[in-house]
PDB file of N, CA and C in Angstrom:
ATOM      1  N   UNK A   1       0.790  -0.837  -0.251  1.00  0.00           N
ATOM      2  CA  UNK A   1      -0.144  -0.281  -0.312  1.00  0.00           C
ATOM      3  C   UNK A   1       0.865   1.723  -0.073  1.00  0.00           C
ATOM      4  N   UNK A   2       2.035   1.107   0.775  1.00  0.00           N
ATOM      5  CA  UNK A   2       2.955   2.701   0.974  1.00  0.00           C
ATOM      6  C   UNK A   2       3.501   2.707  -1.123  1.00  0.00           C
ATOM      7  N   UNK A   3       4.021   1.680  -1.391  1.00  0.00           N
ATOM      8  CA  UNK A   3       4.490   1.589  -2.770  1.00  0.00           C
ATOM      9  C   UNK A   3       3.217   2.479  -3.755  1.00  0.00           C
ATOM     10  N   UNK A   4       2.054   1.679  -3.325  1.00  0.00           N
ATOM     11  CA  UNK A   4       0.758   2.751  -4.115  1.00  0.00           C
ATOM     12  C   UNK A   4       0.613   4.535  -4.224  1.00  0.00           C
ATOM     13  N   UNK A   5       0.440   4.381  -2.613  1.00  0.00           N
ATOM     14  CA  UNK A   5       0.101   5.570  -2.246  1.00  0.00           C
ATOM     15  C   UNK A   5       1.053   6.497  -2.199  1.00  0.00           C
ATOM     16  N   UNK A   6       2.730   6.735  -2.408  1.00  0.00           N
ATOM     17  CA  UNK A   6       3.298   7.224  -2.913  1.00  0.00           C
ATOM     18  C   UNK A   6       3.760   7.577  -4.227  1.00  0.00           C
ATOM     19  N   UNK A   7       3.273   6.976  -4.994  1.00  0.00           N
ATOM     20  CA  UNK A   7       3.257   6.942  -6.407  1.00  0.00           C
ATOM     21  C   UNK A   7       2.797   7.833  -7.179  1.00  0.00           C
ATOM     22  N   UNK A   8       3.397   8.713  -8.316  1.00  0.00           N
ATOM     23  CA  UNK A   8       2.292   9.439  -9.004  1.00  0.00           C
ATOM     24  C   UNK A   8       1.752   9.037 -10.085  1.00  0.00           C
ATOM     25  N   UNK A   9       0.635   9.395 -10.254  1.00  0.00           N
ATOM     26  CA  UNK A   9      -0.442   8.923 -11.688  1.00  0.00           C
ATOM     27  C   UNK A   9      -0.888  10.566 -11.951  1.00  0.00           C
ATOM     28  N   UNK A  10       0.232  10.694 -12.812  1.00  0.00           N
ATOM     29  CA  UNK A  10      -0.629  11.644 -14.043  1.00  0.00           C
ATOM     30  C   UNK A  10      -1.600  11.610 -14.367  1.00  0.00           C
ATOM     31  N   UNK A  11      -2.208  10.714 -14.727  1.00  0.00           N
ATOM     32  CA  UNK A  11      -3.708  10.548 -15.730  1.00  0.00           C
ATOM     33  C   UNK A  11      -4.732  10.174 -14.448  1.00  0.00           C
ATOM     34  N   UNK A  12      -4.474  10.565 -12.972  1.00  0.00           N
ATOM     35  CA  UNK A  12      -4.879   9.640 -11.949  1.00  0.00           C
ATOM     36  C   UNK A  12      -6.131   8.616 -12.011  1.00  0.00           C
ATOM     37  N   UNK A  13      -7.211   8.399 -11.744  1.00  0.00           N
ATOM     38  CA  UNK A  13      -7.248   6.815 -11.696  1.00  0.00           C
ATOM     39  C   UNK A  13      -7.432   6.010 -12.752  1.00  0.00           C
ATOM     40  N   UNK A  14      -7.091   6.307 -14.105  1.00  0.00           N
ATOM     41  CA  UNK A  14      -7.357   5.605 -15.023  1.00  0.00           C
ATOM     42  C   UNK A  14      -5.367   5.036 -14.857  1.00  0.00           C
ATOM     43  N   UNK A  15      -4.766   6.135 -14.540  1.00  0.00           N
ATOM     44  CA  UNK A  15      -3.447   5.456 -14.174  1.00  0.00           C
ATOM     45  C   UNK A  15      -3.323   4.486 -13.309  1.00  0.00           C
ATOM     46  N   UNK A  16      -3.873   4.757 -12.448  1.00  0.00           N
ATOM     47  CA  UNK A  16      -3.977   3.732 -10.585  1.00  0.00           C
ATOM     48  C   UNK A  16      -4.676   2.554 -11.020  1.00  0.00           C
ATOM     49  N   UNK A  17      -5.579   2.792 -11.684  1.00  0.00           N
ATOM     50  CA  UNK A  17      -6.512   1.236 -11.683  1.00  0.00           C
ATOM     51  C   UNK A  17      -5.689   0.444 -12.520  1.00  0.00           C
ATOM     52  N   UNK A  18      -4.695   1.028 -13.830  1.00  0.00           N
ATOM     53  CA  UNK A  18      -3.941  -0.004 -14.550  1.00  0.00           C
ATOM     54  C   UNK A  18      -3.205  -0.639 -13.898  1.00  0.00           C
ATOM     55  N   UNK A  19      -2.062   0.678 -13.028  1.00  0.00           N
ATOM     56  CA  UNK A  19      -1.078  -0.184 -11.889  1.00  0.00           C
ATOM     57  C   UNK A  19      -1.713  -1.252 -11.281  1.00  0.00           C
ATOM     58  N   UNK A  20      -2.625  -1.096 -10.607  1.00  0.00           N
ATOM     59  CA  UNK A  20      -3.508  -2.194  -9.907  1.00  0.00           C
ATOM     60  C   UNK A  20      -4.115  -3.370 -10.940  1.00  0.00           C
ATOM     61  N   UNK A  21      -4.386  -3.290 -11.447  1.00  0.00           N
ATOM     62  CA  UNK A  21      -4.866  -5.086 -12.968  1.00  0.00           C
ATOM     63  C   UNK A  21      -3.657  -4.988 -13.321  1.00  0.00           C
ATOM     64  N   UNK A  22      -2.708  -4.195 -13.796  1.00  0.00           N
ATOM     65  CA  UNK A  22      -1.067  -5.435 -14.153  1.00  0.00           C
ATOM     66  C   UNK A  22      -0.649  -6.133 -13.099  1.00  0.00           C
ATOM     67  N   UNK A  23      -0.537  -5.313 -11.876  1.00  0.00           N
ATOM     68  CA  UNK A  23      -0.011  -6.210 -10.559  1.00  0.00           C
ATOM     69  C   UNK A  23      -1.133  -7.469 -10.724  1.00  0.00           C
ATOM     70  N   UNK A  24      -1.860  -7.129 -10.500  1.00  0.00           N
ATOM     71  CA  UNK A  24      -3.140  -8.375 -10.169  1.00  0.00           C
ATOM     72  C   UNK A  24      -2.784  -9.510 -11.215  1.00  0.00           C
ATOM     73  N   UNK A  25      -2.555  -9.097 -12.923  1.00  0.00           N
ATOM     74  CA  UNK A  25      -2.594  -9.734 -13.350  1.00  0.00           C
ATOM     75  C   UNK A  25      -1.339 -11.094 -13.138  1.00  0.00           C
ATOM     76  N   UNK A  26      -0.250 -10.030 -13.073  1.00  0.00           N
ATOM     77  CA  UNK A  26       1.072 -10.771 -12.619  1.00  0.00           C
ATOM     78  C   UNK A  26       1.083 -11.200 -11.709  1.00  0.00           C
ATOM     79  N   UNK A  27       0.520 -11.209 -10.399  1.00  0.00           N
ATOM     80  CA  UNK A  27       0.009 -11.982  -8.949  1.00  0.00           C
ATOM     81  C   UNK A  27      -0.588 -13.676  -9.607  1.00  0.00           C
ATOM     82  N   UNK A  28      -1.593 -13.129 -10.238  1.00  0.00           N
ATOM     83  CA  UNK A  28      -2.376 -13.922 -10.690  1.00  0.00           C
ATOM     84  C   UNK A  28      -1.791 -15.401 -11.580  1.00  0.00           C
ATOM     85  N   UNK A  29      -0.916 -14.892 -12.863  1.00  0.00           N
ATOM     86  CA  UNK A  29       0.217 -15.235 -13.225  1.00  0.00           C
ATOM     87  C   UNK A  29       0.895 -16.256 -12.982  1.00  0.00           C
ATOM     88  N   UNK A  30       1.463 -15.625 -11.515  1.00  0.00           N
ATOM     89  CA  UNK A  30       2.315 -16.432 -10.564  1.00  0.00           C
ATOM     90  C   UNK A  30       1.739 -17.458  -9.546  1.00  0.00           C
ATOM     91  N   UNK A  31       0.322 -17.391  -9.916  1.00  0.00           N
ATOM     92  CA  UNK A  31      -0.762 -18.341  -9.024  1.00  0.00           C
ATOM     93  C   UNK A  31      -0.341 -17.847  -7.538  1.00  0.00           C
ATOM     94  N   UNK A  32      -0.793 -16.864  -7.404  1.00  0.00           N
ATOM     95  CA  UNK A  32      -0.959 -16.266  -6.476  1.00  0.00           C
ATOM     96  C   UNK A  32      -2.072 -15.047  -6.171  1.00  0.00           C
ATOM     97  N   UNK A  33      -2.747 -15.339  -4.882  1.00  0.00           N
ATOM     98  CA  UNK A  33      -4.249 -14.672  -4.873  1.00  0.00           C
ATOM     99  C   UNK A  33      -4.059 -13.112  -3.743  1.00  0.00           C
ATOM    100  N   UNK A  34      -2.713 -12.724  -3.607  1.00  0.00           N
ATOM    101  CA  UNK A  34      -2.496 -11.107  -2.976  1.00  0.00           C
ATOM    102  C   UNK A  34      -1.276 -10.857  -3.919  1.00  0.00           C
ATOM    103  N   UNK A  35      -1.858  -9.695  -4.077  1.00  0.00           N
ATOM    104  CA  UNK A  35      -0.421  -8.768  -4.496  1.00  0.00           C
ATOM    105  C   UNK A  35       0.517  -7.876  -3.960  1.00  0.00           C
ATOM    106  N   UNK A  36       1.594  -8.256  -4.422  1.00  0.00           N
ATOM    107  CA  UNK A  36       2.536  -8.177  -3.457  1.00  0.00           C
ATOM    108  C   UNK A  36       3.667  -7.144  -4.074  1.00  0.00           C
ATOM    109  N   UNK A  37       4.467  -6.283  -3.561  1.00  0.00           N
ATOM    110  CA  UNK A  37       5.336  -5.412  -3.695  1.00  0.00           C
ATOM    111  C   UNK A  37       6.234  -5.720  -5.228  1.00  0.00           C
ATOM    112  N   UNK A  38       6.609  -7.084  -5.794  1.00  0.00           N
ATOM    113  CA  UNK A  38       6.954  -7.379  -6.985  1.00  0.00           C
ATOM    114  C   UNK A  38       6.474  -7.860  -8.054  1.00  0.00           C
ATOM    115  N   UNK A  39       4.742  -7.582  -7.690  1.00  0.00           N
ATOM    116  CA  UNK A  39       4.223  -7.260  -8.507  1.00  0.00           C
ATOM    117  C   UNK A  39       3.794  -6.557  -9.324  1.00  0.00           C
ATOM    118  N   UNK A  40       4.201  -4.914  -8.506  1.00  0.00           N
ATOM    119  CA  UNK A  40       4.251  -3.668  -9.321  1.00  0.00           C
ATOM    120  C   UNK A  40       5.174  -3.327 -10.303  1.00  0.00           C
ATOM    121  N   UNK A  41       5.218  -2.622 -10.532  1.00  0.00           N
ATOM    122  CA  UNK A  41       6.315  -1.965 -11.383  1.00  0.00           C
ATOM    123  C   UNK A  41       8.061  -1.827 -11.032  1.00  0.00           C
ATOM    124  N   UNK A  42       8.579  -1.864 -11.370  1.00  0.00           N
ATOM    125  CA  UNK A  42      10.192  -1.933 -11.372  1.00  0.00           C
ATOM    126  C   UNK A  42      10.308  -0.445  -9.911  1.00  0.00           C
ATOM    127  N   UNK A  43       9.610   0.671 -10.801  1.00  0.00           N
ATOM    128  CA  UNK A  43      10.504   2.204 -10.390  1.00  0.00           C
ATOM    129  C   UNK A  43       9.333   2.018  -9.213  1.00  0.00           C
ATOM    130  N   UNK A  44       8.035   1.246  -8.382  1.00  0.00           N
ATOM    131  CA  UNK A  44       7.655   1.335  -7.580  1.00  0.00           C
ATOM    132  C   UNK A  44       8.004   0.259  -6.522  1.00  0.00           C
ATOM    133  N   UNK A  45       9.129  -0.548  -6.873  1.00  0.00           N
ATOM    134  CA  UNK A  45       9.753  -1.880  -5.954  1.00  0.00           C
ATOM    135  C   UNK A  45      10.530  -0.878  -4.836  1.00  0.00           C
ATOM    136  N   UNK A  46      11.506  -0.015  -5.457  1.00  0.00           N
ATOM    137  CA  UNK A  46      11.979   0.863  -4.535  1.00  0.00           C
ATOM    138  C   UNK A  46      11.674   1.632  -3.593  1.00  0.00           C
ATOM    139  N   UNK A  47      12.450   1.252  -2.215  1.00  0.00           N
ATOM    140  CA  UNK A  47      11.679   2.148  -1.221  1.00  0.00           C
ATOM    141  C   UNK A  47      11.750   3.218  -1.163  1.00  0.00           C
ATOM    142  N   UNK A  48      10.835   4.179  -0.572  1.00  0.00           N
ATOM    143  CA  UNK A  48      11.276   5.841  -1.151  1.00  0.00           C
ATOM    144  C   UNK A  48      12.051   6.417  -0.053  1.00  0.00           C
ATOM    145  N   UNK A  49      12.465   7.462  -0.954  1.00  0.00           N
ATOM    146  CA  UNK A  49      13.319   7.599  -0.318  1.00  0.00           C
ATOM    147  C   UNK A  49      13.876   8.746  -0.523  1.00  0.00           C
ATOM    148  N   UNK A  50      14.463   9.992   0.404  1.00  0.00           N
ATOM    149  CA  UNK A  50      14.259  11.361   0.124  1.00  0.00           C
ATOM    150  C   UNK A  50      16.210  11.534  -0.496  1.00  0.00           C
ATOM    151  N   UNK A  51      16.541  12.381  -1.515  1.00  0.00           N
ATOM    152  CA  UNK A  51      17.753  12.116  -2.523  1.00  0.00           C
ATOM    153  C   UNK A  51      17.479  13.379  -2.487  1.00  0.00           C
ATOM    154  N   UNK A  52      19.198  13.893  -1.860  1.00  0.00           N
ATOM    155  CA  UNK A  52      19.572  14.791  -0.964  1.00  0.00           C
ATOM    156  C   UNK A  52      20.072  15.764  -2.683  1.00  0.00           C
ATOM    157  N   UNK A  53      20.559  15.221  -3.872  1.00  0.00           N
ATOM    158  CA  UNK A  53      20.591  15.848  -4.701  1.00  0.00           C
ATOM    159  C   UNK A  53      19.834  15.602  -5.507  1.00  0.00           C
ATOM    160  N   UNK A  54      18.750  15.008  -5.544  1.00  0.00           N
ATOM    161  CA  UNK A  54      17.582  14.819  -6.860  1.00  0.00           C
ATOM    162  C   UNK A  54      17.132  16.451  -6.721  1.00  0.00           C
ATOM    163  N   UNK A  55      16.048  15.712  -7.724  1.00  0.00           N
ATOM    164  CA  UNK A  55      15.600  17.195  -8.358  1.00  0.00           C
ATOM    165  C   UNK A  55      14.108  18.175  -7.147  1.00  0.00           C
ATOM    166  N   UNK A  56      14.018  18.976  -6.882  1.00  0.00           N
ATOM    167  CA  UNK A  56      13.164  19.510  -6.276  1.00  0.00           C
ATOM    168  C   UNK A  56      11.744  19.389  -5.920  1.00  0.00           C
ATOM    169  N   UNK A  57      11.145  19.146  -7.216  1.00  0.00           N
ATOM    170  CA  UNK A  57      10.347  18.670  -7.183  1.00  0.00           C
ATOM    171  C   UNK A  57       9.971  17.193  -6.362  1.00  0.00           C
ATOM    172  N   UNK A  58      10.560  15.960  -7.169  1.00  0.00           N
ATOM    173  CA  UNK A  58      10.671  14.947  -6.817  1.00  0.00           C
ATOM    174  C   UNK A  58      11.192  15.168  -4.809  1.00  0.00           C
ATOM    175  N   UNK A  59      11.726  15.587  -4.208  1.00  0.00           N
ATOM    176  CA  UNK A  59      11.939  16.080  -2.965  1.00  0.00           C
ATOM    177  C   UNK A  59      10.337  16.407  -2.328  1.00  0.00           C
ATOM    178  N   UNK A  60       9.818  17.731  -2.918  1.00  0.00           N
ATOM    179  CA  UNK A  60       8.300  17.758  -2.443  1.00  0.00           C
ATOM    180  C   UNK A  60       7.866  17.040  -2.681  1.00  0.00           C
ATOM    181  N   UNK A  61       7.571  16.277  -3.605  1.00  0.00           N
ATOM    182  CA  UNK A  61       6.533  14.893  -3.095  1.00  0.00           C
ATOM    183  C   UNK A  61       6.614  14.183  -2.363  1.00  0.00           C
ATOM    184  N   UNK A  62       8.029  13.573  -1.740  1.00  0.00           N
ATOM    185  CA  UNK A  62       8.410  12.530  -1.160  1.00  0.00           C
ATOM    186  C   UNK A  62       8.183  12.730   0.311  1.00  0.00           C
ATOM    187  N   UNK A  63       8.628  14.537   0.785  1.00  0.00           N
ATOM    188  CA  UNK A  63       8.185  14.848   2.025  1.00  0.00           C
ATOM    189  C   UNK A  63       7.014  14.787   1.764  1.00  0.00           C
ATOM    190  N   UNK A  64       6.196  15.506   0.885  1.00  0.00           N
ATOM    191  CA  UNK A  64       4.256  15.416   1.065  1.00  0.00           C
ATOM    192  C   UNK A  64       3.836  14.108   1.384  1.00  0.00           C
ATOM    193  N   UNK A  65       3.793  13.268   0.457  1.00  0.00           N
ATOM    194  CA  UNK A  65       3.567  11.719   0.950  1.00  0.00           C
ATOM    195  C   UNK A  65       3.914  11.467   2.049  1.00  0.00           C
ATOM    196  N   UNK A  66       5.393  11.685   2.919  1.00  0.00           N
ATOM    197  CA  UNK A  66       5.544  11.411   3.815  1.00  0.00           C
ATOM    198  C   UNK A  66       5.317  11.766   5.197  1.00  0.00           C
ATOM    199  N   UNK A  67       4.557  12.771   4.713  1.00  0.00           N
ATOM    200  CA  UNK A  67       4.230  14.429   6.483  1.00  0.00           C
ATOM    201  C   UNK A  67       2.587  13.422   6.515  1.00  0.00           C
ATOM    202  N   UNK A  68       1.850  13.172   4.531  1.00  0.00           N
ATOM    203  CA  UNK A  68       0.704  12.657   5.270  1.00  0.00           C
ATOM    204  C   UNK A  68       0.916  11.265   5.517  1.00  0.00           C
ATOM    205  N   UNK A  69       1.809  10.385   5.691  1.00  0.00           N
ATOM    206  CA  UNK A  69       1.955   9.101   5.927  1.00  0.00           C
ATOM    207  C   UNK A  69       1.856   9.542   7.818  1.00  0.00           C
ATOM    208  N   UNK A  70       2.923  10.422   7.935  1.00  0.00           N
ATOM    209  CA  UNK A  70       3.111  10.300   9.586  1.00  0.00           C
ATOM    210  C   UNK A  70       2.282  11.476  10.312  1.00  0.00           C
ATOM    211  N   UNK A  71       1.182  11.626   9.659  1.00  0.00           N
ATOM    212  CA  UNK A  71       0.156  13.151  10.266  1.00  0.00           C
ATOM    213  C   UNK A  71       0.865  14.243  10.320  1.00  0.00           C
ATOM    214  N   UNK A  72       2.108  14.456   9.544  1.00  0.00           N
ATOM    215  CA  UNK A  72       2.627  15.537   9.632  1.00  0.00           C
ATOM    216  C   UNK A  72       3.579  16.386  10.852  1.00  0.00           C
ATOM    217  N   UNK A  73       4.098  15.104  11.048  1.00  0.00           N
ATOM    218  CA  UNK A  73       5.352  14.959  11.979  1.00  0.00           C
ATOM    219  C   UNK A  73       6.606  15.275  11.460  1.00  0.00           C
ATOM    220  N   UNK A  74       7.522  16.297  11.590  1.00  0.00           N
ATOM    221  CA  UNK A  74       8.708  16.142  10.688  1.00  0.00           C
ATOM    222  C   UNK A  74       9.633  15.085  10.986  1.00  0.00           C
ATOM    223  N   UNK A  75       9.543  15.337  12.490  1.00  0.00           N
ATOM    224  CA  UNK A  75      10.833  14.045  13.244  1.00  0.00           C
ATOM    225  C   UNK A  75      10.480  12.537  12.458  1.00  0.00           C
ATOM    226  N   UNK A  76       9.203  12.056  12.363  1.00  0.00           N
ATOM    227  CA  UNK A  76       9.139  10.647  12.117  1.00  0.00           C
ATOM    228  C   UNK A  76       9.102  10.883  10.358  1.00  0.00           C
ATOM    229  N   UNK A  77       8.837  12.021   9.898  1.00  0.00           N
ATOM    230  CA  UNK A  77       8.958  12.093   8.287  1.00  0.00           C
ATOM    231  C   UNK A  77      10.402  11.683   8.320  1.00  0.00           C
ATOM    232  N   UNK A  78      11.385  12.949   8.391  1.00  0.00           N
ATOM    233  CA  UNK A  78      12.759  12.790   8.187  1.00  0.00           C
ATOM    234  C   UNK A  78      13.379  10.808   8.641  1.00  0.00           C
ATOM    235  N   UNK A  79      12.713  10.806   9.523  1.00  0.00           N
ATOM    236  CA  UNK A  79      13.261   9.370  10.041  1.00  0.00           C
ATOM    237  C   UNK A  79      12.786   7.790   8.881  1.00  0.00           C
ATOM    238  N   UNK A  80      11.359   8.501   8.559  1.00  0.00           N
ATOM    239  CA  UNK A  80      10.802   7.872   7.338  1.00  0.00           C
ATOM    240  C   UNK A  80      11.772   7.427   6.441  1.00  0.00           C
ATOM    241  N   UNK A  81      11.992   8.688   5.224  1.00  0.00           N
ATOM    242  CA  UNK A  81      12.846   8.814   4.248  1.00  0.00           C
ATOM    243  C   UNK A  81      14.156   8.973   4.264  1.00  0.00           C
ATOM    244  N   UNK A  82      14.480   9.101   5.515  1.00  0.00           N
ATOM    245  CA  UNK A  82      16.169   8.967   5.358  1.00  0.00           C
ATOM    246  C   UNK A  82      16.515  10.675   5.010  1.00  0.00           C
ATOM    247  N   UNK A  83      15.962  11.681   5.532  1.00  0.00           N
ATOM    248  CA  UNK A  83      16.341  12.894   5.664  1.00  0.00           C
ATOM    249  C   UNK A  83      16.482  13.725   6.697  1.00  0.00           C
ATOM    250  N   UNK A  84      16.951  14.935   6.795  1.00  0.00           N
ATOM    251  CA  UNK A  84      17.228  15.329   7.722  1.00  0.00           C
ATOM    252  C   UNK A  84      15.833  16.575   8.255  1.00  0.00           C
ATOM    253  N   UNK A  85      16.011  16.387   9.385  1.00  0.00           N
ATOM    254  CA  UNK A  85      14.466  16.719  10.217  1.00  0.00           C
ATOM    255  C   UNK A  85      14.595  18.425   9.676  1.00  0.00           C
ATOM    256  N   UNK A  86      15.709  19.170   9.564  1.00  0.00           N
ATOM    257  CA  UNK A  86      15.710  20.372   8.754  1.00  0.00           C
ATOM    258  C   UNK A  86      15.601  20.882   7.959  1.00  0.00           C
ATOM    259  N   UNK A  87      16.013  19.919   6.893  1.00  0.00           N
ATOM    260  CA  UNK A  87      15.342  19.974   5.713  1.00  0.00           C
ATOM    261  C   UNK A  87      14.104  19.148   5.253  1.00  0.00           C
ATOM    262  N   UNK A  88      13.358  18.458   6.384  1.00  0.00           N
ATOM    263  CA  UNK A  88      12.029  18.292   5.998  1.00  0.00           C
ATOM    264  C   UNK A  88      11.392  19.251   6.186  1.00  0.00           C
ATOM    265  N   UNK A  89      11.588  19.972   7.665  1.00  0.00           N
ATOM    266  CA  UNK A  89      10.756  21.537   7.883  1.00  0.00           C
ATOM    267  C   UNK A  89      10.493  22.339   7.152  1.00  0.00           C
ATOM    268  N   UNK A  90      12.009  22.654   6.221  1.00  0.00           N
ATOM    269  CA  UNK A  90      11.976  23.633   5.399  1.00  0.00           C
ATOM    270  C   UNK A  90      10.990  23.410   4.378  1.00  0.00           C
ATOM    271  N   UNK A  91      11.067  22.305   3.564  1.00  0.00           N
ATOM    272  CA  UNK A  91      10.429  21.417   2.618  1.00  0.00           C
ATOM    273  C   UNK A  91       9.254  21.958   2.812  1.00  0.00           C
ATOM    274  N   UNK A  92       8.492  21.216   4.322  1.00  0.00           N
ATOM    275  CA  UNK A  92       7.365  21.426   4.382  1.00  0.00           C
ATOM    276  C   UNK A  92       6.442  22.775   4.536  1.00  0.00           C
ATOM    277  N   UNK A  93       7.465  23.835   5.472  1.00  0.00           N
ATOM    278  CA  UNK A  93       7.536  25.614   5.303  1.00  0.00           C
ATOM    279  C   UNK A  93       6.958  25.949   3.740  1.00  0.00           C
ATOM    280  N   UNK A  94       7.447  25.061   2.981  1.00  0.00           N
ATOM    281  CA  UNK A  94       7.574  25.525   1.327  1.00  0.00           C
ATOM    282  C   UNK A  94       5.964  25.488   0.284  1.00  0.00           C
ATOM    283  N   UNK A  95       5.772  23.600   1.092  1.00  0.00           N
ATOM    284  CA  UNK A  95       4.784  23.225   0.901  1.00  0.00           C
ATOM    285  C   UNK A  95       3.239  24.003   1.590  1.00  0.00           C
ATOM    286  N   UNK A  96       3.479  24.322   2.717  1.00  0.00           N
ATOM    287  CA  UNK A  96       2.231  24.953   3.185  1.00  0.00           C
ATOM    288  C   UNK A  96       2.462  26.261   2.719  1.00  0.00           C
ATOM    289  N   UNK A  97       2.857  26.996   2.438  1.00  0.00           N
ATOM    290  CA  UNK A  97       3.411  28.600   1.738  1.00  0.00           C
ATOM    291  C   UNK A  97       2.324  28.052   0.249  1.00  0.00           C
ATOM    292  N   UNK A  98       3.142  27.298  -0.321  1.00  0.00           N
ATOM    293  CA  UNK A  98       2.040  27.208  -1.940  1.00  0.00           C
ATOM    294  C   UNK A  98       0.596  26.609  -1.547  1.00  0.00           C
ATOM    295  N   UNK A  99       0.299  25.620  -0.793  1.00  0.00           N
ATOM    296  CA  UNK A  99      -0.813  25.448  -0.628  1.00  0.00           C
ATOM    297  C   UNK A  99      -1.414  27.359  -0.164  1.00  0.00           C
ATOM    298  N   UNK A 100      -1.023  27.680   0.711  1.00  0.00           N
ATOM    299  CA  UNK A 100      -1.888  28.773   1.122  1.00  0.00           C
ATOM    300  C   UNK A 100      -2.288  29.875  -0.425  1.00  0.00           C
ATOM    301  N   UNK A 101      -1.015  29.582  -1.095  1.00  0.00           N
ATOM    302  CA  UNK A 101      -0.827  30.454  -2.438  1.00  0.00           C
ATOM    303  C   UNK A 101      -2.096  30.081  -3.453  1.00  0.00           C
ATOM    304  N   UNK A 102      -1.830  29.076  -3.212  1.00  0.00           N
ATOM    305  CA  UNK A 102      -3.141  27.957  -4.127  1.00  0.00           C
ATOM    306  C   UNK A 102      -4.152  28.246  -3.846  1.00  0.00           C
ATOM    307  N   UNK A 103      -4.851  28.014  -2.512  1.00  0.00           N
ATOM    308  CA  UNK A 103      -5.765  29.044  -1.868  1.00  0.00           C
ATOM    309  C   UNK A 103      -6.292  30.043  -2.096  1.00  0.00           C
ATOM    310  N   UNK A 104      -5.592  30.907  -1.821  1.00  0.00           N
ATOM    311  CA  UNK A 104      -6.198  32.704  -1.797  1.00  0.00           C
ATOM    312  C   UNK A 104      -6.120  32.657  -3.992  1.00  0.00           C
ATOM    313  N   UNK A 105      -5.631  31.885  -4.036  1.00  0.00           N
ATOM    314  CA  UNK A 105      -5.552  32.091  -5.772  1.00  0.00           C
ATOM    315  C   UNK A 105      -7.377  31.917  -5.985  1.00  0.00           C
ATOM    316  N   UNK A 106      -7.754  30.831  -5.767  1.00  0.00           N
ATOM    317  CA  UNK A 106      -8.864  29.989  -6.240  1.00  0.00           C
ATOM    318  C   UNK A 106      -9.949  30.781  -5.590  1.00  0.00           C
ATOM    319  N   UNK A 107      -9.698  31.515  -4.349  1.00  0.00           N
ATOM    320  CA  UNK A 107     -11.076  32.552  -3.819  1.00  0.00           C
ATOM    321  C   UNK A 107     -10.901  33.624  -4.642  1.00  0.00           C
ATOM    322  N   UNK A 108      -9.578  34.124  -4.816  1.00  0.00           N
ATOM    323  CA  UNK A 108      -9.678  35.580  -6.068  1.00  0.00           C
ATOM    324  C   UNK A 108     -10.368  34.895  -7.308  1.00  0.00           C
ATOM    325  N   UNK A 109     -10.084  33.721  -7.964  1.00  0.00           N
ATOM    326  CA  UNK A 109     -10.906  33.581  -8.987  1.00  0.00           C
ATOM    327  C   UNK A 109     -12.338  33.291  -9.136  1.00  0.00           C
ATOM    328  N   UNK A 110     -12.844  32.961  -8.030  1.00  0.00           N
ATOM    329  CA  UNK A 110     -13.970  32.519  -7.849  1.00  0.00           C
ATOM    330  C   UNK A 110     -15.181  33.763  -6.998  1.00  0.00           C
ATOM    331  N   UNK A 111     -14.275  34.650  -7.056  1.00  0.00           N
ATOM    332  CA  UNK A 111     -14.428  36.119  -6.303  1.00  0.00           C
ATOM    333  C   UNK A 111     -15.150  36.487  -4.965  1.00  0.00           C
ATOM    334  N   UNK A 112     -14.883  35.141  -3.827  1.00  0.00           N
ATOM    335  CA  UNK A 112     -15.252  35.109  -2.887  1.00  0.00           C
ATOM    336  C   UNK A 112     -14.119  35.843  -1.974  1.00  0.00           C
TER     337      UNK A 112
END
């Protein structure tokens, strides 16, 4: 479930449905009734880790997912993804600011 929750689905539900269907068929081909990590695409099988030298958008996605998974707890998030606590706190602040800007923009566009 963690791998499925952390993955990106550009086509939203269609992409998720496709991944789950392929994983199920792969599991059934191996005579298994249970979908496991090895039935998912290779890029989803890697543990989700924070890459210090990774691109910023990916860092934000990893931190955002881990914050959601830990109930917005910075220390636990840092431990979960193998990142520095201060880095997670800074990226969390950036995510909060981006959400506030997006929310303000939506209100402005809707005339509220």
